[in-house]
Amino acid sequence: MRDRTLFILNCLLMVEHSIIMLMLGPMIPEIMKTFGIREATAGLLLGAGSLGSVIGPLTGGLAIDKAGMKIVITTALAAEIVLLILFGINPFFWAAALLNFLLILSAGAVETSANIIPAMIRSANPGKIMNLVHLTFSVGAFIMPLLIGAYLSGGGRWQNIYLAAAVPAGLLSVVFALSSFPSGKPAAGSIESSGSRQSQDGNRATTSSGLIKLMKNRTLILGMLTLFLYVGGELGFSVWIVYYLESGLGFSKMHASTGMSLFWAGIMAGRLLNSLLSGRLSGMQLIGFSSLLAAAAGVPFLLTSSAVLIYITVFIIGLGMAGGYPNTMVEINRRFPNDMGSATGALALGAGVGAMLFQWLMGVSAELIGIKRAMIIPLVLILLMVPAFRAAAGKSKSAVRNPGN
């Protein structure tokens, strides 16, 4: 498969993944009404899905290293089709929680695959490729809330959205099943950067000692912590913003969903900007400046009820949050070329734990202290991500030489 074709398929996979991961957020108010639940219980529903995002990426990464990319992607997409249909016809809350867990578990394997593919594409700037791929995730995340908001405002049933989401998963499963897909190992030229030769030498020990020793690697642990904080902030803000705007500020369904779309429009613009700057600025510079921008924009966001100012600040917050995931992923996973599936899965595991914990915490906080105060949590997490990333990037060279440290 040519690099260009692989890149296009990777982008389509990311768009589909964005649908699966974020479709629940715009529907939270409707789902709460359907099942008769409050914020904390809705947080459990979200947390069940996030538990799947803890387990799915790691198991998917191990499966990629063992069985190859094609088998993992096609199997995970096929599972998504079945689970989306079952979620759409299920009338029981606890069954919905279980189905959401299994759905995001399957999506976790898709996510790991999509994060490995950029390293398989021959490029002198893998950071640019990773940011462009994650930009397409933002494209799906931008369009989807608008479509869902328009559909629900017109009296549509949220269950039908799950049934419709099975279509792109089905189409992609057929495409990948029929494609001649490369193995899970990265192309030799795709990971060349300062320190990459040291990574390859150091990872011989990691490969022979297995996953347990890999998980003791200081660089990997710090990378997992970085994504733990980042995804807790990103998803905590994204998933609950519709509820905040609708229930806390009295926005209509369409206007509240527009707020979520503008957040992802900001992330989309930010990832494009990151892709252009990745060869000129370090990951630390990109993440440090943008995180401060997001936190600063959070102050007027929390103090205003003006729709115009809300929309402007939401866009800026998205712009500031944009680079955290792709820059961390490309900085860390390329240092483990012989165990890229397992390392990428471990990083995504850290992200999944953050999503699971903080989406539940957001729900509990919204019920106890109000959704407005709860919205402070994601902004704090994005600030805490900066020192975590600095520690991961700063320890990279020494930690990779001694995987057991």
Protein backbone atom coordinates (compact mmCIF):
# COMPACT_ATOMS: atom_id res chain seq x y z
CA MET A 1 0.00 0.00 0.00
CA ARG A 2 1.38 3.42 -0.94
CA ASP A 3 2.06 6.01 1.74
CA ARG A 4 -0.56 8.38 0.33
CA THR A 5 -3.27 5.69 0.37
CA LEU A 6 -2.26 4.69 3.89
CA PHE A 7 -2.46 8.31 5.02
CA ILE A 8 -5.95 8.76 3.51
CA LEU A 9 -7.22 5.55 5.14
CA ASN A 10 -5.72 6.64 8.43
CA CYS A 11 -7.56 9.97 8.21
CA LEU A 12 -10.87 8.25 7.43
CA LEU A 13 -10.28 5.90 10.36
CA MET A 14 -9.76 8.89 12.65
CA VAL A 15 -12.97 10.56 11.46
CA GLU A 16 -14.90 7.36 12.20
CA HIS A 17 -13.19 7.09 15.57
CA SER A 18 -14.19 10.64 16.47
CA ILE A 19 -17.83 9.73 15.85
CA ILE A 20 -17.65 6.75 18.21
CA MET A 21 -15.77 8.56 20.96
CA LEU A 22 -17.75 11.81 21.07
CA MET A 23 -21.27 11.09 19.88
CA LEU A 24 -22.53 10.50 23.42
CA GLY A 25 -21.78 14.05 24.63
CA PRO A 26 -24.39 15.95 22.59
CA MET A 27 -26.99 13.34 23.56
CA ILE A 28 -26.38 13.37 27.33
CA PRO A 29 -29.42 15.56 28.18
CA GLU A 30 -31.72 13.34 26.09
CA ILE A 31 -30.23 10.10 27.44
CA MET A 32 -30.66 11.38 31.02
CA LYS A 33 -34.34 12.00 30.31
CA THR A 34 -34.84 8.61 28.64
CA PHE A 35 -33.32 6.60 31.49
CA GLY A 36 -34.43 8.97 34.27
CA ILE A 37 -30.94 9.52 35.66
CA ARG A 38 -29.00 12.45 37.13
CA GLU A 39 -25.51 13.80 36.53
CA ALA A 40 -23.56 11.36 38.69
CA THR A 41 -25.26 8.35 37.08
CA ALA A 42 -24.66 9.82 33.65
CA GLY A 43 -21.01 10.09 34.70
CA LEU A 44 -21.07 6.34 35.38
CA LEU A 45 -22.35 5.71 31.85
CA LEU A 46 -19.50 7.81 30.46
CA GLY A 47 -17.05 6.20 32.86
CA ALA A 48 -18.06 2.71 31.73
CA GLY A 49 -17.13 3.67 28.21
CA SER A 50 -13.89 5.16 29.43
CA LEU A 51 -13.06 1.89 31.21
CA GLY A 52 -13.20 0.36 27.76
CA SER A 53 -10.75 3.02 26.58
CA VAL A 54 -8.40 1.91 29.38
CA ILE A 55 -8.35 -1.74 28.35
CA GLY A 56 -8.95 -1.49 24.60
CA PRO A 57 -5.82 0.40 23.48
CA LEU A 58 -3.43 -1.83 25.41
CA THR A 59 -5.03 -5.10 24.30
CA GLY A 60 -5.24 -3.70 20.78
CA GLY A 61 -1.55 -2.79 20.84
CA LEU A 62 -0.57 -6.27 22.01
CA ALA A 63 -2.77 -7.80 19.32
CA ILE A 64 -1.17 -5.62 16.63
CA ASP A 65 2.31 -6.76 17.68
CA LYS A 66 1.14 -10.39 17.55
CA ALA A 67 -1.39 -10.60 14.71
CA GLY A 68 -0.83 -7.48 12.60
CA MET A 69 -2.71 -4.28 11.91
CA LYS A 70 -5.23 -5.54 9.35
CA ILE A 71 -6.75 -8.24 11.55
CA VAL A 72 -7.07 -5.93 14.54
CA ILE A 73 -8.70 -3.07 12.62
CA THR A 74 -11.22 -5.21 10.75
CA THR A 75 -12.18 -7.16 13.88
CA ALA A 76 -12.57 -4.01 15.99
CA LEU A 77 -14.68 -2.25 13.34
CA ALA A 78 -16.92 -5.32 12.97
CA ALA A 79 -17.46 -5.35 16.74
CA GLU A 80 -18.36 -1.65 16.66
CA ILE A 81 -21.11 -2.31 14.10
CA VAL A 82 -22.80 -4.90 16.31
CA LEU A 83 -22.48 -2.85 19.50
CA LEU A 84 -23.79 0.36 17.92
CA ILE A 85 -26.91 -1.45 16.73
CA LEU A 86 -27.45 -3.08 20.13
CA PHE A 87 -27.04 0.28 21.92
CA GLY A 88 -29.59 1.85 19.61
CA ILE A 89 -32.29 -0.72 20.39
CA ASN A 90 -31.54 -1.29 24.09
CA PRO A 91 -34.13 0.02 26.62
CA PHE A 92 -32.20 -0.57 29.87
CA PHE A 93 -29.66 1.77 31.51
CA TRP A 94 -27.26 -0.82 32.93
CA ALA A 95 -27.24 -2.69 29.63
CA ALA A 96 -26.40 0.64 27.97
CA ALA A 97 -23.46 1.05 30.37
CA LEU A 98 -22.18 -2.42 29.47
CA LEU A 99 -22.62 -1.80 25.75
CA ASN A 100 -20.83 1.53 26.03
CA PHE A 101 -17.93 -0.22 27.76
CA LEU A 102 -17.68 -2.82 25.00
CA LEU A 103 -18.07 -0.22 22.25
CA ILE A 104 -15.24 1.95 23.51
CA LEU A 105 -13.19 -1.17 24.20
CA SER A 106 -13.40 -1.96 20.49
CA ALA A 107 -12.73 1.68 19.60
CA GLY A 108 -9.58 1.51 21.72
CA ALA A 109 -8.07 -1.03 19.35
CA VAL A 110 -8.97 1.24 16.43
CA GLU A 111 -7.34 4.18 18.22
CA THR A 112 -4.08 2.32 18.78
CA SER A 113 -3.97 1.34 15.11
CA ALA A 114 -4.63 4.91 14.00
CA ASN A 115 -1.83 6.20 16.24
CA ILE A 116 0.70 3.67 14.93
CA ILE A 117 0.03 4.22 11.22
CA PRO A 118 1.69 7.71 11.11
CA ALA A 119 4.96 6.07 12.16
CA MET A 120 4.61 3.61 9.24
CA ILE A 121 4.41 6.46 6.72
CA ARG A 122 7.81 7.51 5.43
CA SER A 123 8.23 11.16 6.38
CA ALA A 124 11.03 13.41 7.58
CA ASN A 125 8.55 15.01 10.03
CA PRO A 126 6.40 12.38 11.81
CA GLY A 127 5.05 15.09 14.13
CA LYS A 128 3.45 16.82 11.15
CA ILE A 129 1.82 13.57 9.99
CA MET A 130 0.50 12.80 13.49
CA ASN A 131 -0.99 16.29 13.88
CA LEU A 132 -2.64 16.12 10.44
CA VAL A 133 -4.16 12.73 11.25
CA HIS A 134 -5.51 14.04 14.55
CA LEU A 135 -6.78 17.10 12.72
CA THR A 136 -9.17 14.78 10.85
CA PHE A 137 -10.38 13.50 14.24
CA SER A 138 -11.23 17.13 14.97
CA VAL A 139 -13.07 17.44 11.64
CA GLY A 140 -15.41 14.61 12.62
CA ALA A 141 -15.77 16.03 16.12
CA PHE A 142 -16.65 19.45 14.67
CA ILE A 143 -19.30 18.26 12.23
CA MET A 144 -20.96 15.60 14.37
CA PRO A 145 -22.40 17.79 17.19
CA LEU A 146 -23.95 20.13 14.63
CA LEU A 147 -25.65 17.22 12.87
CA ILE A 148 -26.77 15.65 16.15
CA GLY A 149 -28.03 18.97 17.50
CA ALA A 150 -30.01 19.68 14.32
CA TYR A 151 -31.48 16.18 14.32
CA LEU A 152 -32.52 16.26 17.98
CA SER A 153 -33.90 19.80 17.64
CA GLY A 154 -36.11 18.52 14.83
CA GLY A 155 -37.61 15.89 17.15
CA GLY A 156 -35.35 12.97 16.17
CA ARG A 157 -34.69 10.07 18.53
CA TRP A 158 -31.14 9.75 19.89
CA GLN A 159 -31.31 5.96 19.43
CA ASN A 160 -31.36 6.39 15.65
CA ILE A 161 -28.01 8.17 15.79
CA TYR A 162 -26.37 5.00 17.08
CA LEU A 163 -27.91 2.99 14.27
CA ALA A 164 -26.67 5.50 11.70
CA ALA A 165 -23.14 5.44 13.16
CA ALA A 166 -22.87 1.75 12.26
CA VAL A 167 -22.76 2.70 8.56
CA PRO A 168 -19.29 4.34 8.42
CA ALA A 169 -17.90 1.59 10.64
CA GLY A 170 -19.28 -0.98 8.20
CA LEU A 171 -17.86 0.76 5.15
CA LEU A 172 -14.40 1.06 6.67
CA SER A 173 -14.38 -2.56 7.83
CA VAL A 174 -14.97 -3.64 4.22
CA VAL A 175 -12.24 -1.31 2.91
CA PHE A 176 -9.63 -2.58 5.38
CA ALA A 177 -10.65 -6.21 4.85
CA LEU A 178 -10.05 -5.86 1.11
CA SER A 179 -6.85 -3.81 1.38
CA SER A 180 -3.32 -5.12 1.19
CA PHE A 181 -2.25 -3.69 4.50
CA PRO A 182 1.30 -3.47 5.90
CA SER A 183 2.34 -5.20 9.09
CA GLY A 184 2.36 -3.48 12.46
CA LYS A 185 6.07 -2.60 12.29
CA PRO A 186 6.97 0.99 11.41
CA ALA A 187 8.82 1.85 8.26
CA ALA A 188 12.52 2.17 8.92
CA GLY A 189 12.76 5.74 7.73
CA SER A 190 9.72 7.01 9.55
CA ILE A 191 11.17 7.18 13.03
CA GLU A 192 14.52 8.74 12.28
CA SER A 193 15.09 11.71 14.55
CA SER A 194 17.58 12.84 17.14
CA GLY A 195 17.97 9.98 19.61
CA SER A 196 16.09 7.39 17.53
CA ARG A 197 19.14 5.15 17.14
CA GLN A 198 19.47 5.11 20.89
CA SER A 199 15.80 4.12 21.12
CA GLN A 200 16.31 1.15 18.84
CA ASP A 201 19.34 -0.07 20.79
CA GLY A 202 17.65 0.37 24.16
CA ASN A 203 14.47 -1.39 23.10
CA ARG A 204 16.16 -4.70 22.42
CA ALA A 205 16.06 -5.27 26.17
CA THR A 206 12.46 -4.09 26.31
CA THR A 207 11.34 -6.48 23.58
CA SER A 208 12.98 -9.51 25.23
CA SER A 209 11.66 -8.74 28.71
CA GLY A 210 8.05 -8.26 27.59
CA LEU A 211 5.22 -5.91 28.48
CA ILE A 212 5.83 -5.79 32.24
CA LYS A 213 9.31 -4.35 31.86
CA LEU A 214 8.13 -2.02 29.13
CA MET A 215 5.54 -0.62 31.53
CA LYS A 216 8.31 0.15 34.05
CA ASN A 217 10.03 2.48 31.61
CA ARG A 218 10.15 5.95 33.14
CA THR A 219 9.57 7.73 29.84
CA LEU A 220 6.51 5.63 29.12
CA ILE A 221 5.09 6.16 32.62
CA LEU A 222 5.50 9.93 32.34
CA GLY A 223 3.98 9.87 28.86
CA MET A 224 1.00 7.95 30.23
CA LEU A 225 0.63 10.53 33.01
CA THR A 226 0.69 13.34 30.45
CA LEU A 227 -2.11 11.76 28.40
CA PHE A 228 -4.00 10.85 31.60
CA LEU A 229 -4.21 14.56 32.40
CA TYR A 230 -4.73 15.71 28.82
CA VAL A 231 -7.62 13.41 27.90
CA GLY A 232 -9.24 13.98 31.28
CA GLY A 233 -9.26 17.67 30.42
CA GLU A 234 -10.17 17.41 26.76
CA LEU A 235 -13.01 14.91 27.12
CA GLY A 236 -14.16 16.36 30.43
CA PHE A 237 -14.69 19.69 28.70
CA SER A 238 -15.99 18.33 25.41
CA VAL A 239 -18.49 15.81 26.78
CA TRP A 240 -20.00 18.09 29.43
CA ILE A 241 -20.07 21.41 27.59
CA VAL A 242 -23.40 20.66 25.89
CA TYR A 243 -24.98 19.88 29.25
CA TYR A 244 -23.42 23.02 30.76
CA LEU A 245 -24.69 25.30 28.01
CA GLU A 246 -28.15 23.73 27.89
CA SER A 247 -28.83 23.18 31.59
CA GLY A 248 -26.58 25.80 33.16
CA LEU A 249 -27.03 28.72 30.75
CA GLY A 250 -30.35 27.88 29.09
CA PHE A 251 -29.06 27.43 25.52
CA SER A 252 -31.23 25.54 23.05
CA LYS A 253 -30.14 22.05 21.93
CA MET A 254 -28.83 23.43 18.66
CA HIS A 255 -26.98 26.34 20.26
CA ALA A 256 -25.48 24.08 22.95
CA SER A 257 -24.30 21.59 20.30
CA THR A 258 -22.81 24.51 18.36
CA GLY A 259 -20.65 25.24 21.40
CA MET A 260 -19.22 21.73 21.29
CA SER A 261 -18.60 22.02 17.56
CA LEU A 262 -16.76 25.31 18.02
CA PHE A 263 -14.57 23.69 20.67
CA TRP A 264 -13.58 21.04 18.13
CA ALA A 265 -13.20 23.67 15.43
CA GLY A 266 -10.62 25.26 17.70
CA ILE A 267 -8.86 21.92 18.13
CA MET A 268 -8.99 21.39 14.36
CA ALA A 269 -7.39 24.79 13.72
CA GLY A 270 -4.87 24.18 16.49
CA ARG A 271 -3.78 20.84 15.08
CA LEU A 272 -3.31 22.37 11.66
CA LEU A 273 -1.20 25.07 13.29
CA ASN A 274 0.75 22.46 15.25
CA SER A 275 1.47 20.52 12.05
CA LEU A 276 2.92 23.68 10.48
CA LEU A 277 5.00 24.56 13.54
CA SER A 278 6.14 21.07 14.56
CA GLY A 279 9.39 21.33 12.58
CA ARG A 280 10.21 24.76 14.00
CA LEU A 281 9.20 24.54 17.66
CA SER A 282 9.72 21.77 20.18
CA GLY A 283 6.84 19.78 21.59
CA MET A 284 7.46 21.46 24.96
CA GLN A 285 7.13 24.92 23.43
CA LEU A 286 3.95 24.00 21.57
CA ILE A 287 2.28 22.34 24.57
CA GLY A 288 3.40 24.95 27.12
CA PHE A 289 2.17 28.00 25.23
CA SER A 290 -1.09 26.46 24.05
CA SER A 291 -2.02 25.13 27.51
CA LEU A 292 -1.60 28.59 29.02
CA LEU A 293 -3.79 29.98 26.22
CA ALA A 294 -6.56 27.45 27.01
CA ALA A 295 -6.46 28.20 30.73
CA ALA A 296 -6.51 31.96 30.14
CA ALA A 297 -9.54 31.68 27.84
CA GLY A 298 -11.27 29.59 30.49
CA VAL A 299 -11.61 32.59 32.81
CA PRO A 300 -14.00 34.66 30.64
CA PHE A 301 -15.71 31.41 29.55
CA LEU A 302 -16.72 30.69 33.14
CA LEU A 303 -17.65 34.30 33.97
CA THR A 304 -19.94 35.13 31.05
CA SER A 305 -23.39 34.09 29.88
CA SER A 306 -23.10 35.91 26.55
CA ALA A 307 -23.47 33.46 23.68
CA VAL A 308 -21.01 35.38 21.49
CA LEU A 309 -18.30 35.47 24.16
CA ILE A 310 -18.97 31.84 25.05
CA TYR A 311 -18.46 30.79 21.44
CA ILE A 312 -15.26 32.84 21.10
CA THR A 313 -13.70 31.51 24.30
CA VAL A 314 -14.74 27.93 23.57
CA PHE A 315 -12.95 28.14 20.22
CA ILE A 316 -9.81 29.52 21.90
CA ILE A 317 -9.89 26.80 24.57
CA GLY A 318 -10.04 24.20 21.80
CA LEU A 319 -7.17 25.95 20.01
CA GLY A 320 -5.12 25.73 23.19
CA MET A 321 -5.91 22.08 23.88
CA ALA A 322 -5.17 20.97 20.34
CA GLY A 323 -1.57 19.81 20.48
CA GLY A 324 -1.47 17.83 23.70
CA TYR A 325 -2.37 14.38 22.41
CA PRO A 326 -0.57 14.18 19.04
CA ASN A 327 2.60 15.88 20.27
CA THR A 328 2.85 13.61 23.30
CA MET A 329 2.09 10.50 21.26
CA VAL A 330 4.69 11.18 18.57
CA GLU A 331 7.30 12.28 21.14
CA ILE A 332 7.01 9.04 23.14
CA ASN A 333 5.88 6.14 20.93
CA ARG A 334 8.55 6.60 18.27
CA ARG A 335 11.15 5.88 20.96
CA PHE A 336 9.93 2.28 21.11
CA PRO A 337 10.19 1.13 17.47
CA ASN A 338 10.41 -2.59 18.34
CA ASP A 339 7.36 -2.45 20.63
CA MET A 340 5.39 0.35 19.02
CA GLY A 341 2.03 -1.40 19.32
CA SER A 342 2.46 -2.12 23.03
CA ALA A 343 3.96 1.32 23.79
CA THR A 344 1.19 3.13 21.91
CA GLY A 345 -1.39 0.98 23.67
CA ALA A 346 0.16 1.83 27.04
CA LEU A 347 0.04 5.55 26.26
CA ALA A 348 -3.59 5.24 25.22
CA LEU A 349 -4.23 3.28 28.42
CA GLY A 350 -3.08 6.30 30.41
CA ALA A 351 -5.41 8.46 28.34
CA GLY A 352 -8.27 6.04 28.95
CA VAL A 353 -7.79 6.07 32.72
CA GLY A 354 -7.96 9.87 32.61
CA ALA A 355 -11.15 9.76 30.55
CA MET A 356 -12.73 7.18 32.88
CA LEU A 357 -11.84 8.94 36.12
CA PHE A 358 -12.51 12.54 35.18
CA GLN A 359 -15.74 12.02 33.23
CA TRP A 360 -17.15 10.32 36.33
CA LEU A 361 -15.66 13.03 38.56
CA MET A 362 -17.21 15.70 36.36
CA GLY A 363 -20.64 14.10 36.79
CA VAL A 364 -20.30 13.81 40.57
CA SER A 365 -18.97 17.36 40.85
CA ALA A 366 -21.79 18.72 38.69
CA GLU A 367 -24.34 17.11 41.01
CA LEU A 368 -22.63 18.23 44.23
CA ILE A 369 -21.31 21.72 43.44
CA GLY A 370 -22.97 22.57 40.11
CA ILE A 371 -21.90 22.13 36.51
CA LYS A 372 -20.36 25.62 36.30
CA ARG A 373 -17.82 24.93 39.05
CA ALA A 374 -17.21 21.46 37.66
CA MET A 375 -16.12 22.97 34.34
CA ILE A 376 -13.03 24.36 36.13
CA ILE A 377 -11.63 20.81 36.43
CA PRO A 378 -10.69 20.32 32.73
CA LEU A 379 -8.83 23.64 32.64
CA VAL A 380 -6.78 22.71 35.70
CA LEU A 381 -5.91 19.33 34.17
CA ILE A 382 -4.60 20.98 30.98
CA LEU A 383 -2.27 23.14 33.06
CA LEU A 384 -1.02 20.13 35.05
CA MET A 385 -0.23 18.35 31.79
CA VAL A 386 2.61 20.81 31.04
CA PRO A 387 5.04 19.74 33.81
CA ALA A 388 4.16 16.10 33.16
CA PHE A 389 5.10 16.41 29.49
CA ARG A 390 8.27 18.28 30.36
CA ALA A 391 9.31 15.46 32.67
CA ALA A 392 8.56 12.87 29.98
CA ALA A 393 10.43 14.71 27.24
CA GLY A 394 13.32 15.60 29.52
CA LYS A 395 13.79 12.04 30.70
CA SER A 396 13.43 10.45 27.28
CA LYS A 397 17.05 9.80 26.35
CA SER A 398 18.23 8.39 29.64
CA ALA A 399 15.08 6.41 30.29
CA VAL A 400 15.13 4.70 26.94
CA ARG A 401 18.67 3.49 27.50
CA ASN A 402 17.58 1.81 30.75
CA PRO A 403 14.04 0.48 30.21
CA GLY A 404 13.81 -1.02 33.67
CA ASN A 405 14.34 2.27 35.52
